[in-house]
Amino acid sequence: MTTVSIDADIKAKWQDGHSSYSPGTTEELAIIGIDLLVRDLGADAAQSFIEQVFEKHLADQKNAEAART
Protein backbone atom coordinates (compact mmCIF):
# COMPACT_ATOMS: atom_id res chain seq x y z
CA MET A 1 0.00 0.00 0.00
CA THR A 2 1.00 3.56 -0.62
CA THR A 3 1.51 5.96 2.25
CA VAL A 4 -0.20 9.29 1.67
CA SER A 5 0.60 12.39 3.64
CA ILE A 6 -1.90 15.23 3.69
CA ASP A 7 -1.26 18.94 4.20
CA ALA A 8 -4.65 20.65 4.46
CA ASP A 9 -6.44 23.30 6.45
CA ILE A 10 -10.18 22.75 6.52
CA LYS A 11 -12.54 25.38 7.85
CA ALA A 12 -16.17 24.32 8.25
CA LYS A 13 -18.93 26.74 9.19
CA TRP A 14 -22.59 26.24 10.04
CA GLN A 15 -25.24 28.43 11.66
CA ASP A 16 -24.39 27.60 15.24
CA GLY A 17 -20.62 27.32 15.01
CA HIS A 18 -17.50 26.51 13.12
CA SER A 19 -14.50 24.19 13.28
CA SER A 20 -11.00 24.07 11.87
CA TYR A 21 -9.18 20.88 11.02
CA SER A 22 -5.67 20.04 9.88
CA PRO A 23 -5.63 16.36 8.93
CA GLY A 24 -2.27 14.75 8.35
CA THR A 25 -3.35 11.26 7.34
CA THR A 26 -6.06 9.72 5.19
CA GLU A 27 -7.65 8.27 8.33
CA GLU A 28 -7.88 11.71 9.96
CA LEU A 29 -9.32 13.16 6.74
CA ALA A 30 -11.92 10.37 6.58
CA ILE A 31 -12.99 10.94 10.19
CA ILE A 32 -13.39 14.67 9.53
CA GLY A 33 -15.30 14.05 6.29
CA ILE A 34 -17.63 11.51 7.88
CA ASP A 35 -18.26 13.79 10.87
CA LEU A 36 -19.15 16.71 8.59
CA LEU A 37 -21.31 14.48 6.38
CA VAL A 38 -23.28 13.25 9.41
CA ARG A 39 -23.74 16.82 10.66
CA ASP A 40 -24.98 17.88 7.21
CA LEU A 41 -27.11 14.91 6.14
CA GLY A 42 -27.86 13.03 9.35
CA ALA A 43 -26.56 9.61 10.27
CA ASP A 44 -28.83 7.49 8.05
CA ALA A 45 -28.35 9.57 4.89
CA ALA A 46 -24.59 9.80 5.50
CA GLN A 47 -24.37 6.02 5.92
CA SER A 48 -26.37 5.50 2.71
CA PHE A 49 -24.05 7.87 0.83
CA ILE A 50 -20.94 6.10 2.14
CA GLU A 51 -22.39 2.70 1.17
CA GLN A 52 -22.93 3.99 -2.39
CA VAL A 53 -19.28 5.08 -2.56
CA PHE A 54 -18.10 1.65 -1.36
CA GLU A 55 -20.38 -0.11 -3.86
CA LYS A 56 -18.90 1.96 -6.70
CA HIS A 57 -15.33 1.17 -5.64
CA LEU A 58 -16.11 -2.53 -5.24
CA ALA A 59 -17.65 -2.58 -8.74
CA ASP A 60 -14.61 -0.76 -10.15
CA GLN A 61 -12.30 -3.26 -8.44
CA LYS A 62 -14.25 -6.23 -9.82
CA ASN A 63 -14.18 -4.75 -13.33
CA ALA A 64 -10.41 -4.19 -13.08
CA GLU A 65 -9.88 -7.78 -11.92
CA ALA A 66 -12.06 -9.12 -14.75
CA ALA A 67 -10.11 -7.08 -17.30
CA ARG A 68 -6.84 -8.65 -16.10
CA THR A 69 -8.07 -12.21 -16.63
PDB file of N, CA and C in Angstrom:
ATOM      1  N   MET A   1       0.822  -1.195   0.000  1.00  0.00           N
ATOM      2  CA  MET A   1       0.000   0.000   0.000  1.00  0.00           C
ATOM      3  C   MET A   1       0.861   1.252   0.000  1.00  0.00           C
ATOM      4  N   THR A   2       0.307   2.298  -0.546  1.00  0.00           N
ATOM      5  CA  THR A   2       1.003   3.565  -0.617  1.00  0.00           C
ATOM      6  C   THR A   2       0.703   4.395   0.614  1.00  0.00           C
ATOM      7  N   THR A   3       1.709   5.047   1.132  1.00  0.00           N
ATOM      8  CA  THR A   3       1.510   5.962   2.254  1.00  0.00           C
ATOM      9  C   THR A   3       1.263   7.352   1.696  1.00  0.00           C
ATOM     10  N   VAL A   4       0.163   7.950   2.120  1.00  0.00           N
ATOM     11  CA  VAL A   4      -0.203   9.290   1.670  1.00  0.00           C
ATOM     12  C   VAL A   4      -0.100  10.230   2.846  1.00  0.00           C
ATOM     13  N   SER A   5       0.538  11.357   2.617  1.00  0.00           N
ATOM     14  CA  SER A   5       0.600  12.386   3.641  1.00  0.00           C
ATOM     15  C   SER A   5      -0.212  13.574   3.161  1.00  0.00           C
ATOM     16  N   ILE A   6      -0.979  14.162   4.055  1.00  0.00           N
ATOM     17  CA  ILE A   6      -1.903  15.234   3.689  1.00  0.00           C
ATOM     18  C   ILE A   6      -1.496  16.514   4.396  1.00  0.00           C
ATOM     19  N   ASP A   7      -1.518  17.613   3.639  1.00  0.00           N
ATOM     20  CA  ASP A   7      -1.263  18.940   4.195  1.00  0.00           C
ATOM     21  C   ASP A   7      -2.461  19.801   3.833  1.00  0.00           C
ATOM     22  N   ALA A   8      -3.411  19.925   4.762  1.00  0.00           N
ATOM     23  CA  ALA A   8      -4.650  20.649   4.460  1.00  0.00           C
ATOM     24  C   ALA A   8      -5.119  21.424   5.680  1.00  0.00           C
ATOM     25  N   ASP A   9      -5.758  22.525   5.417  1.00  0.00           N
ATOM     26  CA  ASP A   9      -6.435  23.305   6.454  1.00  0.00           C
ATOM     27  C   ASP A   9      -7.896  23.388   6.045  1.00  0.00           C
ATOM     28  N   ILE A  10      -8.759  22.794   6.833  1.00  0.00           N
ATOM     29  CA  ILE A  10     -10.179  22.752   6.521  1.00  0.00           C
ATOM     30  C   ILE A  10     -10.912  23.624   7.528  1.00  0.00           C
ATOM     31  N   LYS A  11     -11.715  24.528   7.004  1.00  0.00           N
ATOM     32  CA  LYS A  11     -12.535  25.377   7.848  1.00  0.00           C
ATOM     33  C   LYS A  11     -13.985  25.107   7.499  1.00  0.00           C
ATOM     34  N   ALA A  12     -14.756  24.634   8.461  1.00  0.00           N
ATOM     35  CA  ALA A  12     -16.169  24.324   8.254  1.00  0.00           C
ATOM     36  C   ALA A  12     -17.008  25.279   9.100  1.00  0.00           C
ATOM     37  N   LYS A  13     -18.059  25.797   8.488  1.00  0.00           N
ATOM     38  CA  LYS A  13     -18.935  26.738   9.192  1.00  0.00           C
ATOM     39  C   LYS A  13     -20.376  26.292   9.037  1.00  0.00           C
ATOM     40  N   TRP A  14     -21.151  26.454  10.076  1.00  0.00           N
ATOM     41  CA  TRP A  14     -22.587  26.245  10.038  1.00  0.00           C
ATOM     42  C   TRP A  14     -23.222  27.299  10.923  1.00  0.00           C
ATOM     43  N   GLN A  15     -24.548  27.336  10.966  1.00  0.00           N
ATOM     44  CA  GLN A  15     -25.239  28.427  11.656  1.00  0.00           C
ATOM     45  C   GLN A  15     -24.832  28.589  13.113  1.00  0.00           C
ATOM     46  N   ASP A  16     -24.667  27.493  13.806  1.00  0.00           N
ATOM     47  CA  ASP A  16     -24.394  27.600  15.238  1.00  0.00           C
ATOM     48  C   ASP A  16     -22.931  27.386  15.611  1.00  0.00           C
ATOM     49  N   GLY A  17     -22.026  27.462  14.649  1.00  0.00           N
ATOM     50  CA  GLY A  17     -20.619  27.316  15.014  1.00  0.00           C
ATOM     51  C   GLY A  17     -19.713  27.096  13.828  1.00  0.00           C
ATOM     52  N   HIS A  18     -18.493  26.777  14.144  1.00  0.00           N
ATOM     53  CA  HIS A  18     -17.497  26.506  13.116  1.00  0.00           C
ATOM     54  C   HIS A  18     -16.408  25.631  13.721  1.00  0.00           C
ATOM     55  N   SER A  19     -15.633  25.019  12.843  1.00  0.00           N
ATOM     56  CA  SER A  19     -14.503  24.193  13.277  1.00  0.00           C
ATOM     57  C   SER A  19     -13.384  24.319  12.266  1.00  0.00           C
ATOM     58  N   SER A  20     -12.183  24.107  12.725  1.00  0.00           N
ATOM     59  CA  SER A  20     -11.001  24.074  11.866  1.00  0.00           C
ATOM     60  C   SER A  20     -10.310  22.736  12.070  1.00  0.00           C
ATOM     61  N   TYR A  21      -9.842  22.182  10.986  1.00  0.00           N
ATOM     62  CA  TYR A  21      -9.180  20.882  11.023  1.00  0.00           C
ATOM     63  C   TYR A  21      -7.900  20.942  10.216  1.00  0.00           C
ATOM     64  N   SER A  22      -6.923  20.170  10.625  1.00  0.00           N
ATOM     65  CA  SER A  22      -5.673  20.039   9.884  1.00  0.00           C
ATOM     66  C   SER A  22      -5.277  18.565   9.846  1.00  0.00           C
ATOM     67  N   PRO A  23      -5.949  17.786   8.997  1.00  0.00           N
ATOM     68  CA  PRO A  23      -5.625  16.363   8.934  1.00  0.00           C
ATOM     69  C   PRO A  23      -4.235  16.135   8.355  1.00  0.00           C
ATOM     70  N   GLY A  24      -3.583  15.101   8.847  1.00  0.00           N
ATOM     71  CA  GLY A  24      -2.267  14.754   8.347  1.00  0.00           C
ATOM     72  C   GLY A  24      -2.223  13.386   7.696  1.00  0.00           C
ATOM     73  N   THR A  25      -3.299  12.606   7.905  1.00  0.00           N
ATOM     74  CA  THR A  25      -3.354  11.259   7.336  1.00  0.00           C
ATOM     75  C   THR A  25      -4.711  11.052   6.670  1.00  0.00           C
ATOM     76  N   THR A  26      -4.791  10.026   5.839  1.00  0.00           N
ATOM     77  CA  THR A  26      -6.064   9.718   5.191  1.00  0.00           C
ATOM     78  C   THR A  26      -7.116   9.328   6.224  1.00  0.00           C
ATOM     79  N   GLU A  27      -6.699   8.660   7.288  1.00  0.00           N
ATOM     80  CA  GLU A  27      -7.645   8.268   8.331  1.00  0.00           C
ATOM     81  C   GLU A  27      -8.242   9.502   9.016  1.00  0.00           C
ATOM     82  N   GLU A  28      -7.390  10.479   9.331  1.00  0.00           N
ATOM     83  CA  GLU A  28      -7.885  11.707   9.957  1.00  0.00           C
ATOM     84  C   GLU A  28      -8.823  12.449   9.020  1.00  0.00           C
ATOM     85  N   LEU A  29      -8.473  12.499   7.727  1.00  0.00           N
ATOM     86  CA  LEU A  29      -9.322  13.165   6.743  1.00  0.00           C
ATOM     87  C   LEU A  29     -10.675  12.466   6.640  1.00  0.00           C
ATOM     88  N   ALA A  30     -10.673  11.139   6.650  1.00  0.00           N
ATOM     89  CA  ALA A  30     -11.918  10.375   6.578  1.00  0.00           C
ATOM     90  C   ALA A  30     -12.800  10.652   7.792  1.00  0.00           C
ATOM     91  N   ILE A  31     -12.223  10.674   8.972  1.00  0.00           N
ATOM     92  CA  ILE A  31     -12.992  10.944  10.188  1.00  0.00           C
ATOM     93  C   ILE A  31     -13.637  12.323  10.107  1.00  0.00           C
ATOM     94  N   ILE A  32     -12.869  13.306   9.667  1.00  0.00           N
ATOM     95  CA  ILE A  32     -13.391  14.666   9.531  1.00  0.00           C
ATOM     96  C   ILE A  32     -14.524  14.684   8.501  1.00  0.00           C
ATOM     97  N   GLY A  33     -14.286  14.074   7.347  1.00  0.00           N
ATOM     98  CA  GLY A  33     -15.296  14.048   6.289  1.00  0.00           C
ATOM     99  C   GLY A  33     -16.577  13.362   6.738  1.00  0.00           C
ATOM    100  N   ILE A  34     -16.455  12.237   7.408  1.00  0.00           N
ATOM    101  CA  ILE A  34     -17.633  11.507   7.882  1.00  0.00           C
ATOM    102  C   ILE A  34     -18.368  12.329   8.937  1.00  0.00           C
ATOM    103  N   ASP A  35     -17.638  12.943   9.840  1.00  0.00           N
ATOM    104  CA  ASP A  35     -18.264  13.787  10.866  1.00  0.00           C
ATOM    105  C   ASP A  35     -19.052  14.924  10.228  1.00  0.00           C
ATOM    106  N   LEU A  36     -18.460  15.596   9.254  1.00  0.00           N
ATOM    107  CA  LEU A  36     -19.145  16.708   8.587  1.00  0.00           C
ATOM    108  C   LEU A  36     -20.337  16.210   7.779  1.00  0.00           C
ATOM    109  N   LEU A  37     -20.207  15.051   7.144  1.00  0.00           N
ATOM    110  CA  LEU A  37     -21.305  14.478   6.385  1.00  0.00           C
ATOM    111  C   LEU A  37     -22.486  14.150   7.296  1.00  0.00           C
ATOM    112  N   VAL A  38     -22.212  13.571   8.457  1.00  0.00           N
ATOM    113  CA  VAL A  38     -23.278  13.249   9.414  1.00  0.00           C
ATOM    114  C   VAL A  38     -23.945  14.526   9.917  1.00  0.00           C
ATOM    115  N   ARG A  39     -23.156  15.548  10.215  1.00  0.00           N
ATOM    116  CA  ARG A  39     -23.737  16.823  10.655  1.00  0.00           C
ATOM    117  C   ARG A  39     -24.639  17.418   9.585  1.00  0.00           C
ATOM    118  N   ASP A  40     -24.239  17.279   8.322  1.00  0.00           N
ATOM    119  CA  ASP A  40     -24.978  17.882   7.215  1.00  0.00           C
ATOM    120  C   ASP A  40     -26.206  17.071   6.817  1.00  0.00           C
ATOM    121  N   LEU A  41     -26.048  15.750   6.670  1.00  0.00           N
ATOM    122  CA  LEU A  41     -27.108  14.907   6.136  1.00  0.00           C
ATOM    123  C   LEU A  41     -27.884  14.124   7.183  1.00  0.00           C
ATOM    124  N   GLY A  42     -27.302  13.948   8.356  1.00  0.00           N
ATOM    125  CA  GLY A  42     -27.861  13.033   9.351  1.00  0.00           C
ATOM    126  C   GLY A  42     -27.206  11.669   9.193  1.00  0.00           C
ATOM    127  N   ALA A  43     -27.278  10.884  10.243  1.00  0.00           N
ATOM    128  CA  ALA A  43     -26.556   9.607  10.273  1.00  0.00           C
ATOM    129  C   ALA A  43     -27.023   8.636   9.193  1.00  0.00           C
ATOM    130  N   ASP A  44     -28.334   8.474   9.020  1.00  0.00           N
ATOM    131  CA  ASP A  44     -28.831   7.493   8.053  1.00  0.00           C
ATOM    132  C   ASP A  44     -28.471   7.871   6.625  1.00  0.00           C
ATOM    133  N   ALA A  45     -28.666   9.132   6.257  1.00  0.00           N
ATOM    134  CA  ALA A  45     -28.346   9.566   4.894  1.00  0.00           C
ATOM    135  C   ALA A  45     -26.843   9.509   4.641  1.00  0.00           C
ATOM    136  N   ALA A  46     -26.045   9.867   5.647  1.00  0.00           N
ATOM    137  CA  ALA A  46     -24.587   9.796   5.504  1.00  0.00           C
ATOM    138  C   ALA A  46     -24.150   8.351   5.298  1.00  0.00           C
ATOM    139  N   GLN A  47     -24.722   7.439   6.063  1.00  0.00           N
ATOM    140  CA  GLN A  47     -24.368   6.024   5.918  1.00  0.00           C
ATOM    141  C   GLN A  47     -24.761   5.515   4.532  1.00  0.00           C
ATOM    142  N   SER A  48     -25.926   5.902   4.046  1.00  0.00           N
ATOM    143  CA  SER A  48     -26.366   5.496   2.712  1.00  0.00           C
ATOM    144  C   SER A  48     -25.414   6.024   1.651  1.00  0.00           C
ATOM    145  N   PHE A  49     -24.997   7.273   1.782  1.00  0.00           N
ATOM    146  CA  PHE A  49     -24.054   7.871   0.834  1.00  0.00           C
ATOM    147  C   PHE A  49     -22.735   7.107   0.839  1.00  0.00           C
ATOM    148  N   ILE A  50     -22.214   6.810   2.015  1.00  0.00           N
ATOM    149  CA  ILE A  50     -20.938   6.103   2.138  1.00  0.00           C
ATOM    150  C   ILE A  50     -21.048   4.698   1.531  1.00  0.00           C
ATOM    151  N   GLU A  51     -22.179   4.031   1.756  1.00  0.00           N
ATOM    152  CA  GLU A  51     -22.387   2.703   1.169  1.00  0.00           C
ATOM    153  C   GLU A  51     -22.367   2.773  -0.352  1.00  0.00           C
ATOM    154  N   GLN A  52     -22.957   3.826  -0.933  1.00  0.00           N
ATOM    155  CA  GLN A  52     -22.930   3.992  -2.385  1.00  0.00           C
ATOM    156  C   GLN A  52     -21.499   4.145  -2.891  1.00  0.00           C
ATOM    157  N   VAL A  53     -20.684   4.885  -2.157  1.00  0.00           N
ATOM    158  CA  VAL A  53     -19.282   5.075  -2.559  1.00  0.00           C
ATOM    159  C   VAL A  53     -18.542   3.738  -2.517  1.00  0.00           C
ATOM    160  N   PHE A  54     -18.751   2.954  -1.448  1.00  0.00           N
ATOM    161  CA  PHE A  54     -18.096   1.653  -1.358  1.00  0.00           C
ATOM    162  C   PHE A  54     -18.565   0.723  -2.478  1.00  0.00           C
ATOM    163  N   GLU A  55     -19.858   0.734  -2.784  1.00  0.00           N
ATOM    164  CA  GLU A  55     -20.377  -0.108  -3.859  1.00  0.00           C
ATOM    165  C   GLU A  55     -19.723   0.239  -5.190  1.00  0.00           C
ATOM    166  N   LYS A  56     -19.544   1.527  -5.461  1.00  0.00           N
ATOM    167  CA  LYS A  56     -18.901   1.961  -6.696  1.00  0.00           C
ATOM    168  C   LYS A  56     -17.459   1.458  -6.755  1.00  0.00           C
ATOM    169  N   HIS A  57     -16.733   1.603  -5.649  1.00  0.00           N
ATOM    170  CA  HIS A  57     -15.333   1.170  -5.641  1.00  0.00           C
ATOM    171  C   HIS A  57     -15.218  -0.344  -5.743  1.00  0.00           C
ATOM    172  N   LEU A  58     -16.137  -1.073  -5.118  1.00  0.00           N
ATOM    173  CA  LEU A  58     -16.114  -2.532  -5.244  1.00  0.00           C
ATOM    174  C   LEU A  58     -16.397  -2.947  -6.685  1.00  0.00           C
ATOM    175  N   ALA A  59     -17.350  -2.276  -7.339  1.00  0.00           N
ATOM    176  CA  ALA A  59     -17.646  -2.583  -8.739  1.00  0.00           C
ATOM    177  C   ALA A  59     -16.445  -2.260  -9.622  1.00  0.00           C
ATOM    178  N   ASP A  60     -15.804  -1.124  -9.379  1.00  0.00           N
ATOM    179  CA  ASP A  60     -14.612  -0.761 -10.149  1.00  0.00           C
ATOM    180  C   ASP A  60     -13.498  -1.797  -9.964  1.00  0.00           C
ATOM    181  N   GLN A  61     -13.332  -2.257  -8.736  1.00  0.00           N
ATOM    182  CA  GLN A  61     -12.303  -3.259  -8.440  1.00  0.00           C
ATOM    183  C   GLN A  61     -12.610  -4.577  -9.161  1.00  0.00           C
ATOM    184  N   LYS A  62     -13.869  -4.988  -9.132  1.00  0.00           N
ATOM    185  CA  LYS A  62     -14.254  -6.232  -9.817  1.00  0.00           C
ATOM    186  C   LYS A  62     -14.030  -6.109 -11.320  1.00  0.00           C
ATOM    187  N   ASN A  63     -14.380  -4.957 -11.903  1.00  0.00           N
ATOM    188  CA  ASN A  63     -14.177  -4.745 -13.333  1.00  0.00           C
ATOM    189  C   ASN A  63     -12.694  -4.779 -13.687  1.00  0.00           C
ATOM    190  N   ALA A  64     -11.860  -4.190 -12.832  1.00  0.00           N
ATOM    191  CA  ALA A  64     -10.414  -4.186 -13.084  1.00  0.00           C
ATOM    192  C   ALA A  64      -9.863  -5.601 -13.012  1.00  0.00           C
ATOM    193  N   GLU A  65     -10.339  -6.397 -12.043  1.00  0.00           N
ATOM    194  CA  GLU A  65      -9.881  -7.781 -11.917  1.00  0.00           C
ATOM    195  C   GLU A  65     -10.326  -8.602 -13.122  1.00  0.00           C
ATOM    196  N   ALA A  66     -11.547  -8.372 -13.591  1.00  0.00           N
ATOM    197  CA  ALA A  66     -12.055  -9.116 -14.746  1.00  0.00           C
ATOM    198  C   ALA A  66     -11.276  -8.756 -16.001  1.00  0.00           C
ATOM    199  N   ALA A  67     -10.868  -7.517 -16.131  1.00  0.00           N
ATOM    200  CA  ALA A  67     -10.106  -7.084 -17.297  1.00  0.00           C
ATOM    201  C   ALA A  67      -8.712  -7.714 -17.326  1.00  0.00           C
ATOM    202  N   ARG A  68      -8.171  -8.044 -16.170  1.00  0.00           N
ATOM    203  CA  ARG A  68      -6.835  -8.647 -16.099  1.00  0.00           C
ATOM    204  C   ARG A  68      -6.852 -10.128 -16.438  1.00  0.00           C
ATOM    205  N   THR A  69      -8.014 -10.765 -16.368  1.00  0.00           N
ATOM    206  CA  THR A  69      -8.067 -12.212 -16.625  1.00  0.00           C
ATOM    207  C   THR A  69      -8.462 -12.532 -18.035  1.00  0.00           C
TER     208      THR A  69
END
